[in-house]
Amino acid sequence: MRVSGTISCSGMLTVASNKTVLGAGGAKIVGCGLNIKNAKNVIVRNISFDDWDDDAINIETSTNVWIDHNTFFTGYDGSVDTKRGSDYVTISWNHFDGQDKNSLVGHSDDNGSQDRG
């Protein structure tokens, strides 16, 4: 899927397996985030995220995910959260600007058995 311009939304948009979300010049997602849950082979690249109301990108129980060359401004919760046993996740060449919760790896100190993968 190619994203161009600004997408304004709320909540979380679901990204299914075997999908690439590729931003064309100036692509922005404002007001919501991407939920990559129970998915495989997902790429998110070249998108700016701002003012999300949960996480900008939530990766949960997923494998083979690549988050690359995105820009994260400010939002409610984490910029990129990787949790609940997600494996083979690469977060590379991103820019974090102004957010105090940039990256969560694992979801709870009390539930390490589920986060191990």
PDB file of N, CA and C in Angstrom:
ATOM      1  N   MET A   1       0.848  -1.164   0.000  1.00  0.00           N
ATOM      2  CA  MET A   1       0.000   0.000   0.000  1.00  0.00           C
ATOM      3  C   MET A   1       0.895   1.229   0.000  1.00  0.00           C
ATOM      4  N   ARG A   2       0.659   2.146  -0.899  1.00  0.00           N
ATOM      5  CA  ARG A   2       1.408   3.394  -0.972  1.00  0.00           C
ATOM      6  C   ARG A   2       0.569   4.505  -0.349  1.00  0.00           C
ATOM      7  N   VAL A   3       1.179   5.253   0.562  1.00  0.00           N
ATOM      8  CA  VAL A   3       0.513   6.348   1.254  1.00  0.00           C
ATOM      9  C   VAL A   3       1.074   7.665   0.724  1.00  0.00           C
ATOM     10  N   SER A   4       0.190   8.564   0.347  1.00  0.00           N
ATOM     11  CA  SER A   4       0.644   9.904  -0.041  1.00  0.00           C
ATOM     12  C   SER A   4      -0.261  10.925   0.626  1.00  0.00           C
ATOM     13  N   GLY A   5       0.272  12.095   0.890  1.00  0.00           N
ATOM     14  CA  GLY A   5      -0.498  13.116   1.580  1.00  0.00           C
ATOM     15  C   GLY A   5      -0.647  12.790   3.051  1.00  0.00           C
ATOM     16  N   THR A   6      -1.702  13.351   3.658  1.00  0.00           N
ATOM     17  CA  THR A   6      -1.954  13.168   5.085  1.00  0.00           C
ATOM     18  C   THR A   6      -3.210  12.338   5.299  1.00  0.00           C
ATOM     19  N   ILE A   7      -3.087  11.324   6.129  1.00  0.00           N
ATOM     20  CA  ILE A   7      -4.235  10.535   6.548  1.00  0.00           C
ATOM     21  C   ILE A   7      -4.547  10.951   7.977  1.00  0.00           C
ATOM     22  N   SER A   8      -5.750  11.468   8.206  1.00  0.00           N
ATOM     23  CA  SER A   8      -6.200  11.841   9.546  1.00  0.00           C
ATOM     24  C   SER A   8      -7.204  10.806  10.014  1.00  0.00           C
ATOM     25  N   CYS A   9      -6.994  10.289  11.220  1.00  0.00           N
ATOM     26  CA  CYS A   9      -7.850   9.219  11.717  1.00  0.00           C
ATOM     27  C   CYS A   9      -7.749   9.178  13.230  1.00  0.00           C
ATOM     28  N   SER A  10      -8.464   8.243  13.847  1.00  0.00           N
ATOM     29  CA  SER A  10      -8.343   8.015  15.285  1.00  0.00           C
ATOM     30  C   SER A  10      -8.297   6.516  15.534  1.00  0.00           C
ATOM     31  N   GLY A  11      -7.778   6.143  16.693  1.00  0.00           N
ATOM     32  CA  GLY A  11      -7.658   4.728  17.020  1.00  0.00           C
ATOM     33  C   GLY A  11      -6.450   4.105  16.358  1.00  0.00           C
ATOM     34  N   MET A  12      -6.587   2.833  16.004  1.00  0.00           N
ATOM     35  CA  MET A  12      -5.498   2.077  15.397  1.00  0.00           C
ATOM     36  C   MET A  12      -5.975   1.462  14.083  1.00  0.00           C
ATOM     37  N   LEU A  13      -5.157   1.566  13.052  1.00  0.00           N
ATOM     38  CA  LEU A  13      -5.440   0.935  11.770  1.00  0.00           C
ATOM     39  C   LEU A  13      -4.721  -0.411  11.738  1.00  0.00           C
ATOM     40  N   THR A  14      -5.407  -1.470  11.388  1.00  0.00           N
ATOM     41  CA  THR A  14      -4.829  -2.807  11.370  1.00  0.00           C
ATOM     42  C   THR A  14      -4.034  -3.034  10.090  1.00  0.00           C
ATOM     43  N   VAL A  15      -2.830  -3.576  10.249  1.00  0.00           N
ATOM     44  CA  VAL A  15      -1.992  -3.955   9.114  1.00  0.00           C
ATOM     45  C   VAL A  15      -1.901  -5.482   9.110  1.00  0.00           C
ATOM     46  N   ALA A  16      -2.342  -6.107   8.028  1.00  0.00           N
ATOM     47  CA  ALA A  16      -2.362  -7.568   7.919  1.00  0.00           C
ATOM     48  C   ALA A  16      -1.010  -8.098   7.452  1.00  0.00           C
ATOM     49  N   SER A  17      -0.881  -9.406   7.438  1.00  0.00           N
ATOM     50  CA  SER A  17       0.345 -10.073   6.989  1.00  0.00           C
ATOM     51  C   SER A  17       0.636  -9.780   5.523  1.00  0.00           C
ATOM     52  N   ASN A  18       1.929  -9.877   5.199  1.00  0.00           N
ATOM     53  CA  ASN A  18       2.401  -9.731   3.825  1.00  0.00           C
ATOM     54  C   ASN A  18       2.024  -8.384   3.209  1.00  0.00           C
ATOM     55  N   LYS A  19       2.175  -7.323   4.016  1.00  0.00           N
ATOM     56  CA  LYS A  19       1.850  -5.970   3.550  1.00  0.00           C
ATOM     57  C   LYS A  19       3.054  -5.055   3.700  1.00  0.00           C
ATOM     58  N   THR A  20       3.192  -4.140   2.736  1.00  0.00           N
ATOM     59  CA  THR A  20       4.146  -3.049   2.821  1.00  0.00           C
ATOM     60  C   THR A  20       3.355  -1.754   2.836  1.00  0.00           C
ATOM     61  N   VAL A  21       3.605  -0.921   3.841  1.00  0.00           N
ATOM     62  CA  VAL A  21       2.996   0.401   3.917  1.00  0.00           C
ATOM     63  C   VAL A  21       4.126   1.374   3.617  1.00  0.00           C
ATOM     64  N   LEU A  22       4.123   1.927   2.414  1.00  0.00           N
ATOM     65  CA  LEU A  22       5.234   2.730   1.909  1.00  0.00           C
ATOM     66  C   LEU A  22       4.764   4.159   1.676  1.00  0.00           C
ATOM     67  N   GLY A  23       5.421   5.095   2.329  1.00  0.00           N
ATOM     68  CA  GLY A  23       5.060   6.488   2.173  1.00  0.00           C
ATOM     69  C   GLY A  23       5.705   7.101   0.945  1.00  0.00           C
ATOM     70  N   ALA A  24       4.887   7.767   0.144  1.00  0.00           N
ATOM     71  CA  ALA A  24       5.405   8.595  -0.944  1.00  0.00           C
ATOM     72  C   ALA A  24       5.854   9.919  -0.313  1.00  0.00           C
ATOM     73  N   GLY A  25       6.520  10.775  -1.047  1.00  0.00           N
ATOM     74  CA  GLY A  25       7.048  12.015  -0.486  1.00  0.00           C
ATOM     75  C   GLY A  25       6.030  12.765   0.352  1.00  0.00           C
ATOM     76  N   GLY A  26       6.359  13.046   1.610  1.00  0.00           N
ATOM     77  CA  GLY A  26       5.499  13.823   2.493  1.00  0.00           C
ATOM     78  C   GLY A  26       4.358  13.057   3.128  1.00  0.00           C
ATOM     79  N   ALA A  27       4.375  11.742   3.129  1.00  0.00           N
ATOM     80  CA  ALA A  27       3.282  10.944   3.702  1.00  0.00           C
ATOM     81  C   ALA A  27       3.224  11.119   5.217  1.00  0.00           C
ATOM     82  N   LYS A  28       2.012  11.359   5.733  1.00  0.00           N
ATOM     83  CA  LYS A  28       1.816  11.543   7.167  1.00  0.00           C
ATOM     84  C   LYS A  28       0.580  10.787   7.630  1.00  0.00           C
ATOM     85  N   ILE A  29       0.672  10.233   8.825  1.00  0.00           N
ATOM     86  CA  ILE A  29      -0.484   9.667   9.507  1.00  0.00           C
ATOM     87  C   ILE A  29      -0.641  10.468  10.791  1.00  0.00           C
ATOM     88  N   VAL A  30      -1.795  11.112  10.937  1.00  0.00           N
ATOM     89  CA  VAL A  30      -2.026  12.021  12.051  1.00  0.00           C
ATOM     90  C   VAL A  30      -3.264  11.574  12.822  1.00  0.00           C
ATOM     91  N   GLY A  31      -3.119  11.445  14.145  1.00  0.00           N
ATOM     92  CA  GLY A  31      -4.256  11.153  15.006  1.00  0.00           C
ATOM     93  C   GLY A  31      -4.468   9.685  15.314  1.00  0.00           C
ATOM     94  N   CYS A  32      -3.739   8.801  14.668  1.00  0.00           N
ATOM     95  CA  CYS A  32      -3.910   7.366  14.921  1.00  0.00           C
ATOM     96  C   CYS A  32      -2.586   6.653  14.710  1.00  0.00           C
ATOM     97  N   GLY A  33      -2.619   5.330  14.848  1.00  0.00           N
ATOM     98  CA  GLY A  33      -1.417   4.531  14.673  1.00  0.00           C
ATOM     99  C   GLY A  33      -1.704   3.269  13.890  1.00  0.00           C
ATOM    100  N   LEU A  34      -0.662   2.483  13.709  1.00  0.00           N
ATOM    101  CA  LEU A  34      -0.767   1.213  12.996  1.00  0.00           C
ATOM    102  C   LEU A  34      -0.647   0.063  13.991  1.00  0.00           C
ATOM    103  N   ASN A  35      -1.547  -0.890  13.898  1.00  0.00           N
ATOM    104  CA  ASN A  35      -1.541  -2.058  14.761  1.00  0.00           C
ATOM    105  C   ASN A  35      -1.133  -3.273  13.939  1.00  0.00           C
ATOM    106  N   ILE A  36       0.050  -3.795  14.229  1.00  0.00           N
ATOM    107  CA  ILE A  36       0.577  -4.983  13.549  1.00  0.00           C
ATOM    108  C   ILE A  36       0.480  -6.111  14.572  1.00  0.00           C
ATOM    109  N   LYS A  37      -0.605  -6.873  14.498  1.00  0.00           N
ATOM    110  CA  LYS A  37      -0.883  -7.898  15.498  1.00  0.00           C
ATOM    111  C   LYS A  37      -1.161  -9.228  14.808  1.00  0.00           C
ATOM    112  N   ASN A  38      -0.480 -10.286  15.303  1.00  0.00           N
ATOM    113  CA  ASN A  38      -0.627 -11.626  14.711  1.00  0.00           C
ATOM    114  C   ASN A  38      -0.340 -11.592  13.214  1.00  0.00           C
ATOM    115  N   ALA A  39       0.691 -10.863  12.823  1.00  0.00           N
ATOM    116  CA  ALA A  39       1.011 -10.678  11.403  1.00  0.00           C
ATOM    117  C   ALA A  39       2.438 -11.138  11.115  1.00  0.00           C
ATOM    118  N   LYS A  40       2.705 -11.406   9.836  1.00  0.00           N
ATOM    119  CA  LYS A  40       4.039 -11.782   9.372  1.00  0.00           C
ATOM    120  C   LYS A  40       4.375 -10.968   8.134  1.00  0.00           C
ATOM    121  N   ASN A  41       5.670 -10.705   7.966  1.00  0.00           N
ATOM    122  CA  ASN A  41       6.171 -10.070   6.742  1.00  0.00           C
ATOM    123  C   ASN A  41       5.527  -8.709   6.489  1.00  0.00           C
ATOM    124  N   VAL A  42       5.784  -7.771   7.393  1.00  0.00           N
ATOM    125  CA  VAL A  42       5.224  -6.420   7.291  1.00  0.00           C
ATOM    126  C   VAL A  42       6.363  -5.411   7.244  1.00  0.00           C
ATOM    127  N   ILE A  43       6.246  -4.440   6.345  1.00  0.00           N
ATOM    128  CA  ILE A  43       7.205  -3.340   6.238  1.00  0.00           C
ATOM    129  C   ILE A  43       6.438  -2.029   6.369  1.00  0.00           C
ATOM    130  N   VAL A  44       6.950  -1.118   7.199  1.00  0.00           N
ATOM    131  CA  VAL A  44       6.414   0.247   7.298  1.00  0.00           C
ATOM    132  C   VAL A  44       7.593   1.171   7.060  1.00  0.00           C
ATOM    133  N   ARG A  45       7.493   2.018   6.014  1.00  0.00           N
ATOM    134  CA  ARG A  45       8.653   2.808   5.601  1.00  0.00           C
ATOM    135  C   ARG A  45       8.245   4.185   5.080  1.00  0.00           C
ATOM    136  N   ASN A  46       9.037   5.195   5.419  1.00  0.00           N
ATOM    137  CA  ASN A  46       8.922   6.557   4.888  1.00  0.00           C
ATOM    138  C   ASN A  46       7.623   7.270   5.238  1.00  0.00           C
ATOM    139  N   ILE A  47       7.182   7.158   6.483  1.00  0.00           N
ATOM    140  CA  ILE A  47       5.950   7.822   6.915  1.00  0.00           C
ATOM    141  C   ILE A  47       6.251   8.651   8.157  1.00  0.00           C
ATOM    142  N   SER A  48       5.617   9.818   8.257  1.00  0.00           N
ATOM    143  CA  SER A  48       5.673  10.625   9.474  1.00  0.00           C
ATOM    144  C   SER A  48       4.411  10.368  10.288  1.00  0.00           C
ATOM    145  N   PHE A  49       4.590  10.196  11.589  1.00  0.00           N
ATOM    146  CA  PHE A  49       3.470   9.972  12.502  1.00  0.00           C
ATOM    147  C   PHE A  49       3.410  11.132  13.480  1.00  0.00           C
ATOM    148  N   ASP A  50       2.194  11.612  13.780  1.00  0.00           N
ATOM    149  CA  ASP A  50       2.046  12.707  14.736  1.00  0.00           C
ATOM    150  C   ASP A  50       0.687  12.606  15.425  1.00  0.00           C
ATOM    151  N   ASP A  51       0.662  13.003  16.676  1.00  0.00           N
ATOM    152  CA  ASP A  51      -0.566  13.160  17.457  1.00  0.00           C
ATOM    153  C   ASP A  51      -1.379  11.871  17.560  1.00  0.00           C
ATOM    154  N   TRP A  52      -0.707  10.721  17.666  1.00  0.00           N
ATOM    155  CA  TRP A  52      -1.425   9.452  17.797  1.00  0.00           C
ATOM    156  C   TRP A  52      -2.059   9.354  19.168  1.00  0.00           C
ATOM    157  N   ASP A  53      -3.174   8.601  19.255  1.00  0.00           N
ATOM    158  CA  ASP A  53      -3.912   8.525  20.512  1.00  0.00           C
ATOM    159  C   ASP A  53      -3.705   7.221  21.277  1.00  0.00           C
ATOM    160  N   ASP A  54      -2.851   6.323  20.796  1.00  0.00           N
ATOM    161  CA  ASP A  54      -2.466   5.115  21.526  1.00  0.00           C
ATOM    162  C   ASP A  54      -0.966   4.926  21.293  1.00  0.00           C
ATOM    163  N   ASP A  55      -0.561   4.092  20.356  1.00  0.00           N
ATOM    164  CA  ASP A  55       0.830   3.970  19.920  1.00  0.00           C
ATOM    165  C   ASP A  55       0.893   4.395  18.454  1.00  0.00           C
ATOM    166  N   ALA A  56       2.025   4.915  18.027  1.00  0.00           N
ATOM    167  CA  ALA A  56       2.178   5.196  16.599  1.00  0.00           C
ATOM    168  C   ALA A  56       2.252   3.881  15.835  1.00  0.00           C
ATOM    169  N   ILE A  57       3.066   2.938  16.334  1.00  0.00           N
ATOM    170  CA  ILE A  57       3.113   1.585  15.779  1.00  0.00           C
ATOM    171  C   ILE A  57       3.142   0.593  16.936  1.00  0.00           C
ATOM    172  N   ASN A  58       2.188  -0.321  16.936  1.00  0.00           N
ATOM    173  CA  ASN A  58       2.120  -1.394  17.920  1.00  0.00           C
ATOM    174  C   ASN A  58       2.401  -2.709  17.204  1.00  0.00           C
ATOM    175  N   ILE A  59       3.462  -3.403  17.646  1.00  0.00           N
ATOM    176  CA  ILE A  59       3.823  -4.702  17.072  1.00  0.00           C
ATOM    177  C   ILE A  59       3.601  -5.738  18.165  1.00  0.00           C
ATOM    178  N   GLU A  60       2.697  -6.674  17.911  1.00  0.00           N
ATOM    179  CA  GLU A  60       2.310  -7.623  18.948  1.00  0.00           C
ATOM    180  C   GLU A  60       2.123  -9.019  18.339  1.00  0.00           C
ATOM    181  N   THR A  61       2.763 -10.010  18.942  1.00  0.00           N
ATOM    182  CA  THR A  61       2.707 -11.411  18.483  1.00  0.00           C
ATOM    183  C   THR A  61       2.892 -11.505  16.964  1.00  0.00           C
ATOM    184  N   SER A  62       3.901 -10.819  16.460  1.00  0.00           N
ATOM    185  CA  SER A  62       4.163 -10.774  15.016  1.00  0.00           C
ATOM    186  C   SER A  62       5.615 -11.136  14.732  1.00  0.00           C
ATOM    187  N   THR A  63       5.888 -11.549  13.486  1.00  0.00           N
ATOM    188  CA  THR A  63       7.253 -11.899  13.087  1.00  0.00           C
ATOM    189  C   THR A  63       7.593 -11.258  11.751  1.00  0.00           C
ATOM    190  N   ASN A  64       8.902 -11.068  11.557  1.00  0.00           N
ATOM    191  CA  ASN A  64       9.430 -10.502  10.310  1.00  0.00           C
ATOM    192  C   ASN A  64       8.802  -9.143   9.998  1.00  0.00           C
ATOM    193  N   VAL A  65       9.062  -8.192  10.871  1.00  0.00           N
ATOM    194  CA  VAL A  65       8.541  -6.826  10.732  1.00  0.00           C
ATOM    195  C   VAL A  65       9.725  -5.881  10.596  1.00  0.00           C
ATOM    196  N   TRP A  66       9.627  -4.956   9.636  1.00  0.00           N
ATOM    197  CA  TRP A  66      10.687  -3.968   9.418  1.00  0.00           C
ATOM    198  C   TRP A  66      10.075  -2.576   9.470  1.00  0.00           C
ATOM    199  N   ILE A  67      10.536  -1.760  10.428  1.00  0.00           N
ATOM    200  CA  ILE A  67      10.091  -0.380  10.603  1.00  0.00           C
ATOM    201  C   ILE A  67      11.288   0.491  10.229  1.00  0.00           C
ATOM    202  N   ASP A  68      11.213   1.209   9.101  1.00  0.00           N
ATOM    203  CA  ASP A  68      12.408   1.833   8.539  1.00  0.00           C
ATOM    204  C   ASP A  68      12.126   3.229   7.976  1.00  0.00           C
ATOM    205  N   HIS A  69      13.032   4.157   8.252  1.00  0.00           N
ATOM    206  CA  HIS A  69      13.009   5.510   7.699  1.00  0.00           C
ATOM    207  C   HIS A  69      11.682   6.248   7.935  1.00  0.00           C
ATOM    208  N   ASN A  70      11.160   6.134   9.167  1.00  0.00           N
ATOM    209  CA  ASN A  70       9.954   6.866   9.548  1.00  0.00           C
ATOM    210  C   ASN A  70      10.343   7.994  10.492  1.00  0.00           C
ATOM    211  N   THR A  71       9.440   8.946  10.669  1.00  0.00           N
ATOM    212  CA  THR A  71       9.635  10.026  11.627  1.00  0.00           C
ATOM    213  C   THR A  71       8.474  10.015  12.607  1.00  0.00           C
ATOM    214  N   PHE A  72       8.807  10.068  13.890  1.00  0.00           N
ATOM    215  CA  PHE A  72       7.806  10.051  14.941  1.00  0.00           C
ATOM    216  C   PHE A  72       7.894  11.359  15.711  1.00  0.00           C
ATOM    217  N   PHE A  73       6.800  12.106  15.723  1.00  0.00           N
ATOM    218  CA  PHE A  73       6.752  13.365  16.458  1.00  0.00           C
ATOM    219  C   PHE A  73       6.181  13.084  17.851  1.00  0.00           C
ATOM    220  N   THR A  74       5.045  13.623  18.230  1.00  0.00           N
ATOM    221  CA  THR A  74       4.521  13.411  19.574  1.00  0.00           C
ATOM    222  C   THR A  74       3.136  12.775  19.531  1.00  0.00           C
ATOM    223  N   GLY A  75       2.874  11.985  20.548  1.00  0.00           N
ATOM    224  CA  GLY A  75       1.578  11.330  20.670  1.00  0.00           C
ATOM    225  C   GLY A  75       1.337  10.911  22.097  1.00  0.00           C
ATOM    226  N   TYR A  76       0.249  10.198  22.298  1.00  0.00           N
ATOM    227  CA  TYR A  76      -0.177   9.836  23.645  1.00  0.00           C
ATOM    228  C   TYR A  76       0.737   8.812  24.304  1.00  0.00           C
ATOM    229  N   ASP A  77       1.052   7.738  23.601  1.00  0.00           N
ATOM    230  CA  ASP A  77       1.825   6.663  24.221  1.00  0.00           C
ATOM    231  C   ASP A  77       3.088   6.433  23.395  1.00  0.00           C
ATOM    232  N   GLY A  78       3.511   5.198  23.246  1.00  0.00           N
ATOM    233  CA  GLY A  78       4.795   4.902  22.629  1.00  0.00           C
ATOM    234  C   GLY A  78       4.853   5.162  21.137  1.00  0.00           C
ATOM    235  N   SER A  79       6.056   5.475  20.664  1.00  0.00           N
ATOM    236  CA  SER A  79       6.266   5.632  19.221  1.00  0.00           C
ATOM    237  C   SER A  79       6.223   4.270  18.542  1.00  0.00           C
ATOM    238  N   VAL A  80       7.075   3.342  18.979  1.00  0.00           N
ATOM    239  CA  VAL A  80       7.094   1.983  18.426  1.00  0.00           C
ATOM    240  C   VAL A  80       7.169   1.004  19.593  1.00  0.00           C
ATOM    241  N   ASP A  81       6.108   0.229  19.795  1.00  0.00           N
ATOM    242  CA  ASP A  81       6.079  -0.773  20.856  1.00  0.00           C
ATOM    243  C   ASP A  81       6.166  -2.162  20.237  1.00  0.00           C
ATOM    244  N   THR A  82       7.111  -2.960  20.734  1.00  0.00           N
ATOM    245  CA  THR A  82       7.300  -4.339  20.265  1.00  0.00           C
ATOM    246  C   THR A  82       7.108  -5.237  21.469  1.00  0.00           C
ATOM    247  N   LYS A  83       6.086  -6.105  21.416  1.00  0.00           N
ATOM    248  CA  LYS A  83       5.756  -6.838  22.637  1.00  0.00           C
ATOM    249  C   LYS A  83       5.087  -8.176  22.356  1.00  0.00           C
ATOM    250  N   ARG A  84       4.868  -8.907  23.439  1.00  0.00           N
ATOM    251  CA  ARG A  84       4.153 -10.185  23.463  1.00  0.00           C
ATOM    252  C   ARG A  84       4.721 -11.213  22.482  1.00  0.00           C
ATOM    253  N   GLY A  85       6.025 -11.437  22.595  1.00  0.00           N
ATOM    254  CA  GLY A  85       6.654 -12.510  21.840  1.00  0.00           C
ATOM    255  C   GLY A  85       6.891 -12.223  20.371  1.00  0.00           C
ATOM    256  N   SER A  86       6.926 -10.973  19.969  1.00  0.00           N
ATOM    257  CA  SER A  86       7.241 -10.659  18.566  1.00  0.00           C
ATOM    258  C   SER A  86       8.706 -10.983  18.293  1.00  0.00           C
ATOM    259  N   ASP A  87       8.973 -11.548  17.123  1.00  0.00           N
ATOM    260  CA  ASP A  87      10.321 -11.977  16.757  1.00  0.00           C
ATOM    261  C   ASP A  87      10.730 -11.407  15.409  1.00  0.00           C
ATOM    262  N   TYR A  88      12.041 -11.294  15.239  1.00  0.00           N
ATOM    263  CA  TYR A  88      12.619 -10.843  13.974  1.00  0.00           C
ATOM    264  C   TYR A  88      12.041  -9.491  13.563  1.00  0.00           C
ATOM    265  N   VAL A  89      12.148  -8.536  14.480  1.00  0.00           N
ATOM    266  CA  VAL A  89      11.689  -7.168  14.248  1.00  0.00           C
ATOM    267  C   VAL A  89      12.914  -6.281  14.119  1.00  0.00           C
ATOM    268  N   THR A  90      12.960  -5.491  13.050  1.00  0.00           N
ATOM    269  CA  THR A  90      14.039  -4.529  12.846  1.00  0.00           C
ATOM    270  C   THR A  90      13.445  -3.134  12.849  1.00  0.00           C
ATOM    271  N   ILE A  91      14.011  -2.266  13.686  1.00  0.00           N
ATOM    272  CA  ILE A  91      13.607  -0.855  13.741  1.00  0.00           C
ATOM    273  C   ILE A  91      14.856  -0.069  13.388  1.00  0.00           C
ATOM    274  N   SER A  92      14.907   0.440  12.148  1.00  0.00           N
ATOM    275  CA  SER A  92      16.156   1.029  11.650  1.00  0.00           C
ATOM    276  C   SER A  92      15.936   2.397  11.008  1.00  0.00           C
ATOM    277  N   TRP A  93      16.899   3.276  11.188  1.00  0.00           N
ATOM    278  CA  TRP A  93      16.971   4.566  10.529  1.00  0.00           C
ATOM    279  C   TRP A  93      15.706   5.408  10.682  1.00  0.00           C
ATOM    280  N   ASN A  94      15.134   5.390  11.880  1.00  0.00           N
ATOM    281  CA  ASN A  94      13.966   6.212  12.181  1.00  0.00           C
ATOM    282  C   ASN A  94      14.414   7.458  12.930  1.00  0.00           C
ATOM    283  N   HIS A  95      13.569   8.475  12.923  1.00  0.00           N
ATOM    284  CA  HIS A  95      13.860   9.721  13.629  1.00  0.00           C
ATOM    285  C   HIS A  95      12.762   9.937  14.671  1.00  0.00           C
ATOM    286  N   PHE A  96      13.175  10.095  15.928  1.00  0.00           N
ATOM    287  CA  PHE A  96      12.242  10.333  17.025  1.00  0.00           C
ATOM    288  C   PHE A  96      12.422  11.776  17.465  1.00  0.00           C
ATOM    289  N   ASP A  97      11.359  12.567  17.416  1.00  0.00           N
ATOM    290  CA  ASP A  97      11.475  14.007  17.630  1.00  0.00           C
ATOM    291  C   ASP A  97      10.404  14.512  18.587  1.00  0.00           C
ATOM    292  N   GLY A  98      10.746  14.610  19.870  1.00  0.00           N
ATOM    293  CA  GLY A  98       9.851  15.249  20.822  1.00  0.00           C
ATOM    294  C   GLY A  98       9.018  14.308  21.673  1.00  0.00           C
ATOM    295  N   GLN A  99       9.052  13.019  21.428  1.00  0.00           N
ATOM    296  CA  GLN A  99       8.270  12.070  22.209  1.00  0.00           C
ATOM    297  C   GLN A  99       9.121  11.518  23.345  1.00  0.00           C
ATOM    298  N   ASP A 100       8.525  11.353  24.535  1.00  0.00           N
ATOM    299  CA  ASP A 100       9.303  10.825  25.658  1.00  0.00           C
ATOM    300  C   ASP A 100       9.178   9.308  25.823  1.00  0.00           C
ATOM    301  N   LYS A 101       8.343   8.652  25.024  1.00  0.00           N
ATOM    302  CA  LYS A 101       8.207   7.193  25.048  1.00  0.00           C
ATOM    303  C   LYS A 101       8.505   6.688  23.640  1.00  0.00           C
ATOM    304  N   ASN A 102       9.780   6.500  23.354  1.00  0.00           N
ATOM    305  CA  ASN A 102      10.158   6.169  21.980  1.00  0.00           C
ATOM    306  C   ASN A 102       9.969   4.715  21.616  1.00  0.00           C
ATOM    307  N   SER A 103      10.429   3.795  22.452  1.00  0.00           N
ATOM    308  CA  SER A 103      10.406   2.393  22.045  1.00  0.00           C
ATOM    309  C   SER A 103      10.262   1.485  23.254  1.00  0.00           C
ATOM    310  N   LEU A 104       9.206   0.696  23.260  1.00  0.00           N
ATOM    311  CA  LEU A 104       8.987  -0.305  24.291  1.00  0.00           C
ATOM    312  C   LEU A 104       9.326  -1.663  23.693  1.00  0.00           C
ATOM    313  N   VAL A 105      10.148  -2.428  24.399  1.00  0.00           N
ATOM    314  CA  VAL A 105      10.457  -3.797  23.978  1.00  0.00           C
ATOM    315  C   VAL A 105      10.055  -4.696  25.139  1.00  0.00           C
ATOM    316  N   GLY A 106       9.069  -5.552  24.911  1.00  0.00           N
ATOM    317  CA  GLY A 106       8.471  -6.341  25.985  1.00  0.00           C
ATOM    318  C   GLY A 106       7.368  -5.521  26.623  1.00  0.00           C
ATOM    319  N   HIS A 107       6.418  -6.174  27.258  1.00  0.00           N
ATOM    320  CA  HIS A 107       5.281  -5.396  27.747  1.00  0.00           C
ATOM    321  C   HIS A 107       5.101  -5.370  29.249  1.00  0.00           C
ATOM    322  N   SER A 108       5.786  -6.238  29.987  1.00  0.00           N
ATOM    323  CA  SER A 108       5.581  -6.241  31.427  1.00  0.00           C
ATOM    324  C   SER A 108       6.748  -6.942  32.123  1.00  0.00           C
ATOM    325  N   ASP A 109       7.194  -6.381  33.214  1.00  0.00           N
ATOM    326  CA  ASP A 109       8.226  -7.035  34.014  1.00  0.00           C
ATOM    327  C   ASP A 109       7.711  -8.339  34.619  1.00  0.00           C
ATOM    328  N   ASP A 110       6.412  -8.458  34.770  1.00  0.00           N
ATOM    329  CA  ASP A 110       5.809  -9.635  35.393  1.00  0.00           C
ATOM    330  C   ASP A 110       5.434 -10.728  34.389  1.00  0.00           C
ATOM    331  N   ASN A 111       5.655 -10.503  33.095  1.00  0.00           N
ATOM    332  CA  ASN A 111       5.224 -11.484  32.107  1.00  0.00           C
ATOM    333  C   ASN A 111       6.334 -11.766  31.089  1.00  0.00           C
ATOM    334  N   GLY A 112       7.547 -11.944  31.585  1.00  0.00           N
ATOM    335  CA  GLY A 112       8.691 -12.185  30.725  1.00  0.00           C
ATOM    336  C   GLY A 112       8.570 -13.438  29.889  1.00  0.00           C
ATOM    337  N   SER A 113       7.857 -14.453  30.375  1.00  0.00           N
ATOM    338  CA  SER A 113       7.730 -15.704  29.618  1.00  0.00           C
ATOM    339  C   SER A 113       7.018 -15.475  28.286  1.00  0.00           C
ATOM    340  N   GLN A 114       6.058 -14.572  28.229  1.00  0.00           N
ATOM    341  CA  GLN A 114       5.382 -14.302  26.963  1.00  0.00           C
ATOM    342  C   GLN A 114       6.229 -13.422  26.051  1.00  0.00           C
ATOM    343  N   ASP A 115       7.041 -12.553  26.616  1.00  0.00           N
ATOM    344  CA  ASP A 115       7.852 -11.662  25.796  1.00  0.00           C
ATOM    345  C   ASP A 115       9.078 -12.348  25.204  1.00  0.00           C
ATOM    346  N   ARG A 116       9.507 -13.463  25.812  1.00  0.00           N
ATOM    347  CA  ARG A 116      10.654 -14.182  25.243  1.00  0.00           C
ATOM    348  C   ARG A 116      10.251 -14.842  23.945  1.00  0.00           C
ATOM    349  N   GLY A 117      11.117 -14.742  22.959  1.00  0.00           N
ATOM    350  CA  GLY A 117      10.787 -15.369  21.683  1.00  0.00           C
ATOM    351  C   GLY A 117      12.013 -15.952  21.042  1.00  0.00           C
TER     352      GLY A 117
END
